[in-house]
PDB file of all heavy atoms in Angstrom:
ATOM      1  N   ILE A   1     -20.792  31.895 100.697  1.00  0.00           N
ATOM      2  CA  ILE A   1     -19.512  32.213 100.063  1.00  0.00           C
ATOM      3  C   ILE A   1     -19.118  33.634 100.418  1.00  0.00           C
ATOM      4  O   ILE A   1     -19.862  34.580 100.162  1.00  0.00           O
ATOM      5  CB  ILE A   1     -19.599  32.055  98.543  1.00  0.00           C
ATOM      6  CG1 ILE A   1     -19.951  30.606  98.185  1.00  0.00           C
ATOM      7  CG2 ILE A   1     -18.295  32.464  97.868  1.00  0.00           C
ATOM      8  CD1 ILE A   1     -20.246  30.388  96.713  1.00  0.00           C
ATOM      9  N   SER A   2     -17.956  33.808 101.037  1.00  0.00           N
ATOM     10  CA  SER A   2     -17.506  35.133 101.449  1.00  0.00           C
ATOM     11  C   SER A   2     -16.010  35.281 101.224  1.00  0.00           C
ATOM     12  O   SER A   2     -15.230  34.385 101.541  1.00  0.00           O
ATOM     13  CB  SER A   2     -17.824  35.366 102.928  1.00  0.00           C
ATOM     14  OG  SER A   2     -17.270  36.570 103.370  1.00  0.00           O
ATOM     15  N   LYS A   3     -15.638  36.427 100.669  1.00  0.00           N
ATOM     16  CA  LYS A   3     -14.215  36.727 100.473  1.00  0.00           C
ATOM     17  C   LYS A   3     -13.584  37.247 101.759  1.00  0.00           C
ATOM     18  O   LYS A   3     -12.378  37.227 101.921  1.00  0.00           O
ATOM     19  CB  LYS A   3     -14.058  37.770  99.365  1.00  0.00           C
ATOM     20  CG  LYS A   3     -14.629  37.362  98.025  1.00  0.00           C
ATOM     21  CD  LYS A   3     -14.595  38.516  97.047  1.00  0.00           C
ATOM     22  CE  LYS A   3     -15.287  38.158  95.731  1.00  0.00           C
ATOM     23  NZ  LYS A   3     -15.358  39.306  94.802  1.00  0.00           N
ATOM     24  N   ASN A   4     -14.421  37.769 102.646  1.00  0.00           N
ATOM     25  CA  ASN A   4     -13.934  38.390 103.875  1.00  0.00           C
ATOM     26  C   ASN A   4     -14.213  37.504 105.078  1.00  0.00           C
ATOM     27  O   ASN A   4     -15.287  36.927 105.202  1.00  0.00           O
ATOM     28  CB  ASN A   4     -14.607  39.760 104.071  1.00  0.00           C
ATOM     29  CG  ASN A   4     -14.400  40.669 102.873  1.00  0.00           C
ATOM     30  OD1 ASN A   4     -13.283  40.844 102.407  1.00  0.00           O
ATOM     31  ND2 ASN A   4     -15.483  41.244 102.368  1.00  0.00           N
ATOM     32  N   LYS A   5     -13.247  37.413 105.957  1.00  0.00           N
ATOM     33  CA  LYS A   5     -13.391  36.606 107.160  1.00  0.00           C
ATOM     34  C   LYS A   5     -13.903  37.500 108.297  1.00  0.00           C
ATOM     35  O   LYS A   5     -13.194  38.407 108.742  1.00  0.00           O
ATOM     36  CB  LYS A   5     -12.044  35.986 107.551  1.00  0.00           C
ATOM     37  CG  LYS A   5     -11.403  35.145 106.457  1.00  0.00           C
ATOM     38  CD  LYS A   5     -12.270  33.954 106.070  1.00  0.00           C
ATOM     39  CE  LYS A   5     -11.589  33.089 105.003  1.00  0.00           C
ATOM     40  NZ  LYS A   5     -12.441  31.977 104.568  1.00  0.00           N
ATOM     41  N   ILE A   6     -15.141  37.275 108.724  1.00  0.00           N
ATOM     42  CA  ILE A   6     -15.677  38.094 109.813  1.00  0.00           C
ATOM     43  C   ILE A   6     -16.042  37.247 111.027  1.00  0.00           C
ATOM     44  O   ILE A   6     -16.706  37.712 111.941  1.00  0.00           O
ATOM     45  CB  ILE A   6     -16.891  38.917 109.352  1.00  0.00           C
ATOM     46  CG1 ILE A   6     -18.062  38.021 108.942  1.00  0.00           C
ATOM     47  CG2 ILE A   6     -16.508  39.846 108.225  1.00  0.00           C
ATOM     48  CD1 ILE A   6     -19.345  38.798 108.710  1.00  0.00           C
ATOM     49  N   GLY A   7     -15.582  36.001 111.028  1.00  0.00           N
ATOM     50  CA  GLY A   7     -15.719  35.175 112.221  1.00  0.00           C
ATOM     51  C   GLY A   7     -17.029  34.454 112.395  1.00  0.00           C
ATOM     52  O   GLY A   7     -17.384  34.059 113.515  1.00  0.00           O
ATOM     53  N   LEU A   8     -17.769  34.226 111.317  1.00  0.00           N
ATOM     54  CA  LEU A   8     -19.029  33.509 111.437  1.00  0.00           C
ATOM     55  C   LEU A   8     -18.796  32.025 111.727  1.00  0.00           C
ATOM     56  O   LEU A   8     -17.876  31.409 111.186  1.00  0.00           O
ATOM     57  CB  LEU A   8     -19.853  33.641 110.156  1.00  0.00           C
ATOM     58  CG  LEU A   8     -20.418  35.027 109.837  1.00  0.00           C
ATOM     59  CD1 LEU A   8     -21.090  35.011 108.467  1.00  0.00           C
ATOM     60  CD2 LEU A   8     -21.403  35.474 110.902  1.00  0.00           C
ATOM     61  N   ASN A   9     -19.635  31.469 112.588  1.00  0.00           N
ATOM     62  CA  ASN A   9     -19.591  30.038 112.870  1.00  0.00           C
ATOM     63  C   ASN A   9     -20.347  29.273 111.787  1.00  0.00           C
ATOM     64  O   ASN A   9     -21.442  29.666 111.398  1.00  0.00           O
ATOM     65  CB  ASN A   9     -20.266  29.751 114.218  1.00  0.00           C
ATOM     66  CG  ASN A   9     -19.637  30.487 115.369  1.00  0.00           C
ATOM     67  OD1 ASN A   9     -18.484  30.252 115.696  1.00  0.00           O
ATOM     68  ND2 ASN A   9     -20.391  31.397 115.985  1.00  0.00           N
ATOM     69  N   LYS A  10     -19.763  28.194 111.309  1.00  0.00           N
ATOM     70  CA  LYS A  10     -20.441  27.307 110.377  1.00  0.00           C
ATOM     71  C   LYS A  10     -21.279  26.329 111.194  1.00  0.00           C
ATOM     72  O   LYS A  10     -20.745  25.494 111.921  1.00  0.00           O
ATOM     73  CB  LYS A  10     -19.421  26.556 109.520  1.00  0.00           C
ATOM     74  CG  LYS A  10     -20.026  25.688 108.435  1.00  0.00           C
ATOM     75  CD  LYS A  10     -18.921  25.009 107.645  1.00  0.00           C
ATOM     76  CE  LYS A  10     -19.478  24.082 106.576  1.00  0.00           C
ATOM     77  NZ  LYS A  10     -18.398  23.370 105.845  1.00  0.00           N
ATOM     78  N   ILE A  11     -22.601  26.465 111.084  1.00  0.00           N
ATOM     79  CA  ILE A  11     -23.491  25.810 112.040  1.00  0.00           C
ATOM     80  C   ILE A  11     -24.287  24.669 111.398  1.00  0.00           C
ATOM     81  O   ILE A  11     -24.695  24.760 110.251  1.00  0.00           O
ATOM     82  CB  ILE A  11     -24.474  26.840 112.637  1.00  0.00           C
ATOM     83  CG1 ILE A  11     -23.693  27.965 113.319  1.00  0.00           C
ATOM     84  CG2 ILE A  11     -25.409  26.197 113.639  1.00  0.00           C
ATOM     85  CD1 ILE A  11     -24.563  29.134 113.728  1.00  0.00           C
ATOM     86  N   GLY A  12     -24.522  23.644 112.187  1.00  0.00           N
ATOM     87  CA  GLY A  12     -25.433  22.578 111.795  1.00  0.00           C
ATOM     88  C   GLY A  12     -24.753  21.255 111.502  1.00  0.00           C
ATOM     89  O   GLY A  12     -23.771  21.208 110.746  1.00  0.00           O
ATOM     90  N   SER A  13     -25.271  20.187 112.089  1.00  0.00           N
ATOM     91  CA  SER A  13     -24.769  18.849 111.781  1.00  0.00           C
ATOM     92  C   SER A  13     -25.914  17.844 111.874  1.00  0.00           C
ATOM     93  O   SER A  13     -26.812  17.965 112.718  1.00  0.00           O
ATOM     94  CB  SER A  13     -23.646  18.446 112.739  1.00  0.00           C
ATOM     95  OG  SER A  13     -24.114  18.411 114.074  1.00  0.00           O
ATOM     96  N   LEU A  14     -25.875  16.869 110.980  1.00  0.00           N
ATOM     97  CA  LEU A  14     -26.857  15.788 110.978  1.00  0.00           C
ATOM     98  C   LEU A  14     -26.346  14.685 111.889  1.00  0.00           C
ATOM     99  O   LEU A  14     -25.210  14.234 111.746  1.00  0.00           O
ATOM    100  CB  LEU A  14     -27.046  15.265 109.556  1.00  0.00           C
ATOM    101  CG  LEU A  14     -28.070  14.155 109.344  1.00  0.00           C
ATOM    102  CD1 LEU A  14     -29.476  14.635 109.687  1.00  0.00           C
ATOM    103  CD2 LEU A  14     -28.007  13.654 107.905  1.00  0.00           C
ATOM    104  N   GLU A  15     -27.178  14.262 112.849  1.00  0.00           N
ATOM    105  CA  GLU A  15     -26.745  13.271 113.825  1.00  0.00           C
ATOM    106  C   GLU A  15     -27.680  12.072 113.867  1.00  0.00           C
ATOM    107  O   GLU A  15     -28.874  12.181 113.574  1.00  0.00           O
ATOM    108  CB  GLU A  15     -26.681  13.889 115.229  1.00  0.00           C
ATOM    109  CG  GLU A  15     -25.614  14.949 115.398  1.00  0.00           C
ATOM    110  CD  GLU A  15     -25.504  15.420 116.842  1.00  0.00           C
ATOM    111  OE1 GLU A  15     -26.291  14.932 117.696  1.00  0.00           O
ATOM    112  OE2 GLU A  15     -24.635  16.257 117.132  1.00  0.00           O
ATOM    113  N   ALA A  16     -27.106  10.941 114.253  1.00  0.00           N
ATOM    114  CA  ALA A  16     -27.886   9.726 114.519  1.00  0.00           C
ATOM    115  C   ALA A  16     -27.023   8.822 115.379  1.00  0.00           C
ATOM    116  O   ALA A  16     -25.795   8.974 115.440  1.00  0.00           O
ATOM    117  CB  ALA A  16     -28.274   9.022 113.229  1.00  0.00           C
ATOM    118  N   ASP A  17     -27.640   7.875 116.045  1.00  0.00           N
ATOM    119  CA  ASP A  17     -26.902   6.957 116.909  1.00  0.00           C
ATOM    120  C   ASP A  17     -26.510   5.694 116.145  1.00  0.00           C
ATOM    121  O   ASP A  17     -27.251   5.229 115.272  1.00  0.00           O
ATOM    122  CB  ASP A  17     -27.751   6.561 118.116  1.00  0.00           C
ATOM    123  CG  ASP A  17     -28.128   7.759 118.963  1.00  0.00           C
ATOM    124  OD1 ASP A  17     -27.343   8.725 119.001  1.00  0.00           O
ATOM    125  OD2 ASP A  17     -29.210   7.731 119.575  1.00  0.00           O
ATOM    126  N   VAL A  18     -25.358   5.152 116.475  1.00  0.00           N
ATOM    127  CA  VAL A  18     -24.936   3.865 115.911  1.00  0.00           C
ATOM    128  C   VAL A  18     -25.919   2.799 116.399  1.00  0.00           C
ATOM    129  O   VAL A  18     -26.148   2.650 117.602  1.00  0.00           O
ATOM    130  CB  VAL A  18     -23.502   3.518 116.359  1.00  0.00           C
ATOM    131  CG1 VAL A  18     -23.132   2.099 115.902  1.00  0.00           C
ATOM    132  CG2 VAL A  18     -22.513   4.539 115.820  1.00  0.00           C
ATOM    133  N   ILE A  19     -26.526   2.058 115.452  1.00  0.00           N
ATOM    134  CA  ILE A  19     -27.561   1.083 115.842  1.00  0.00           C
ATOM    135  C   ILE A  19     -27.123  -0.378 115.682  1.00  0.00           C
ATOM    136  O   ILE A  19     -27.788  -1.279 116.193  1.00  0.00           O
ATOM    137  CB  ILE A  19     -28.856   1.312 115.042  1.00  0.00           C
ATOM    138  CG1 ILE A  19     -28.602   1.184 113.532  1.00  0.00           C
ATOM    139  CG2 ILE A  19     -29.468   2.665 115.377  1.00  0.00           C
ATOM    140  CD1 ILE A  19     -29.875   1.170 112.699  1.00  0.00           C
ATOM    141  N   GLU A  20     -25.986  -0.585 114.984  1.00  0.00           N
ATOM    142  CA  GLU A  20     -25.525  -1.959 114.792  1.00  0.00           C
ATOM    143  C   GLU A  20     -24.030  -1.944 114.511  1.00  0.00           C
ATOM    144  O   GLU A  20     -23.506  -0.996 113.907  1.00  0.00           O
ATOM    145  CB  GLU A  20     -26.273  -2.605 113.619  1.00  0.00           C
ATOM    146  CG  GLU A  20     -25.891  -4.036 113.306  1.00  0.00           C
ATOM    147  CD  GLU A  20     -26.249  -5.021 114.410  1.00  0.00           C
ATOM    148  OE1 GLU A  20     -25.511  -5.029 115.422  1.00  0.00           O
ATOM    149  OE2 GLU A  20     -27.240  -5.750 114.260  1.00  0.00           O
ATOM    150  N   ILE A  21     -23.345  -2.973 114.982  1.00  0.00           N
ATOM    151  CA  ILE A  21     -21.920  -3.135 114.706  1.00  0.00           C
ATOM    152  C   ILE A  21     -21.695  -4.588 114.289  1.00  0.00           C
ATOM    153  O   ILE A  21     -22.240  -5.516 114.904  1.00  0.00           O
ATOM    154  CB  ILE A  21     -21.060  -2.796 115.944  1.00  0.00           C
ATOM    155  CG1 ILE A  21     -21.140  -1.294 116.262  1.00  0.00           C
ATOM    156  CG2 ILE A  21     -19.601  -3.209 115.729  1.00  0.00           C
ATOM    157  CD1 ILE A  21     -20.426  -0.892 117.539  1.00  0.00           C
ATOM    158  N   LYS A  22     -20.909  -4.788 113.233  1.00  0.00           N
ATOM    159  CA  LYS A  22     -20.612  -6.144 112.781  1.00  0.00           C
ATOM    160  C   LYS A  22     -19.206  -6.189 112.204  1.00  0.00           C
ATOM    161  O   LYS A  22     -18.638  -5.154 111.841  1.00  0.00           O
ATOM    162  CB  LYS A  22     -21.628  -6.596 111.732  1.00  0.00           C
ATOM    163  CG  LYS A  22     -21.588  -5.792 110.447  1.00  0.00           C
ATOM    164  CD  LYS A  22     -22.714  -6.173 109.504  1.00  0.00           C
ATOM    165  CE  LYS A  22     -22.639  -7.597 109.040  1.00  0.00           C
ATOM    166  NZ  LYS A  22     -23.717  -7.943 108.087  1.00  0.00           N
ATOM    167  N   THR A  23     -18.667  -7.385 112.115  1.00  0.00           N
ATOM    168  CA  THR A  23     -17.339  -7.586 111.528  1.00  0.00           C
ATOM    169  C   THR A  23     -17.482  -8.499 110.319  1.00  0.00           C
ATOM    170  O   THR A  23     -18.146  -9.551 110.400  1.00  0.00           O
ATOM    171  CB  THR A  23     -16.370  -8.204 112.552  1.00  0.00           C
ATOM    172  OG1 THR A  23     -16.240  -7.324 113.669  1.00  0.00           O
ATOM    173  CG2 THR A  23     -14.998  -8.419 111.922  1.00  0.00           C
ATOM    174  N   VAL A  24     -16.882  -8.087 109.194  1.00  0.00           N
ATOM    175  CA  VAL A  24     -16.969  -8.871 107.966  1.00  0.00           C
ATOM    176  C   VAL A  24     -15.555  -9.246 107.520  1.00  0.00           C
ATOM    177  O   VAL A  24     -14.577  -8.564 107.847  1.00  0.00           O
ATOM    178  CB  VAL A  24     -17.690  -8.088 106.846  1.00  0.00           C
ATOM    179  CG1 VAL A  24     -19.110  -7.750 107.266  1.00  0.00           C
ATOM    180  CG2 VAL A  24     -16.924  -6.826 106.471  1.00  0.00           C
ATOM    181  N   PRO A  25     -15.403 -10.339 106.768  1.00  0.00           N
ATOM    182  CA  PRO A  25     -14.073 -10.782 106.347  1.00  0.00           C
ATOM    183  C   PRO A  25     -13.530  -9.966 105.175  1.00  0.00           C
ATOM    184  O   PRO A  25     -14.235  -9.174 104.557  1.00  0.00           O
ATOM    185  CB  PRO A  25     -14.321 -12.229 105.921  1.00  0.00           C
ATOM    186  CG  PRO A  25     -15.737 -12.226 105.452  1.00  0.00           C
ATOM    187  CD  PRO A  25     -16.462 -11.283 106.354  1.00  0.00           C
TER     188      PRO A  25
END
């Protein structure tokens, strides 16, 4: 939490691969 903008990058993401695809009614 910062009141001042000093240009920091917001880092980090959780990743995974799509393992299944299906269509439902």
